[in-house]
Amino acid sequence: MAHRAEEHYQNIAACYDNTWAHRPEYLSWMSDHIVMRLRMTPDSRIADIGAGTGLFLGRLAQQASPDRPILCIDPSQPMLDQLPDNPRLRPIRATAEDVAAGRVRLPYEKLDGIMIKETIHHVTDLPQTMQGLADLLAPAGRILVVTLPPRLEYPLFQAALDRFAVNHPEPDMIAETMRAIGLDTEVSYENFPITVDRDHWIELAGRQWMSVLHSFSAEEIATGQQEIRERYPEPVLNFVDRFAFICGARA
């Protein structure tokens, strides 16, 4: 699973920032929710696990200090190569498992905040990894997992929706895992309305921009694109993106 995920992000690294969701209003909305839940200050020692190209870190970087840069942790070097040239961002090539097991040396002995946005489904051993990450937290430190619910309301082809649901962890299960290791955990949901050109959406499906799409063959993707055309004939698609914010705090 980890190898497949790395291959997926290596393939899409160059065009990752050009997707339907990555628009200024969405980035601001998401960044505000993250900053609020992590209670981030310029002195906070923050790690973004699965940081990718740093797309969601523009606003967060404004809250950081060059003396306390955000650790941008990702296993994909092509994704990290797209990070902005910003002294408030420090790239580190590693997986969540590497960090949790201490296989990679971090510049901070302890962390005030750990963010895992839409990559928790790539973690192979959730209880063990979450325990290792929690051990890195300073007193009152926080882990924030931002994830989609298994049942998406996206206008995708049915096989992709079904496969996503099977392989994606339930937010409540993630929360229970965090509670079991002693974190005071809360789950909340936020909705963001999406309006996207249908042809662009179908093009993105062809690029296999979601990791679940990377599990389909080229022929299956082409069939899925045709299913989208037939099921959603309108030129503009409107739907709601729903996110679970799972925040666990150390005493």
Foldseek 3Di string as FASTA:
>chain_A
DLVLVLVLCLLCQVPLCVAQQLDPVNLVVVLVVVCVQLVAAQPFQEEEAQCFLVSSCPVVLVRYDLVRAYEDEEQHPSRPVNHDPDSNYDYDHDHLQCQLVVVDDDPDQAGQEYEYEACQLVDDDLLSSLLSNVVRHDAFGKYKYKHAALQDPDLWFPVLSVQSNVSDDGPVVSLVSLVVSPWPKDKDKDKDKGKDFLVSVLVVLLSVSDSSSSVDDNVVSVVRSVVSCVVPVDRMDIDMGMMMIMMTTHD
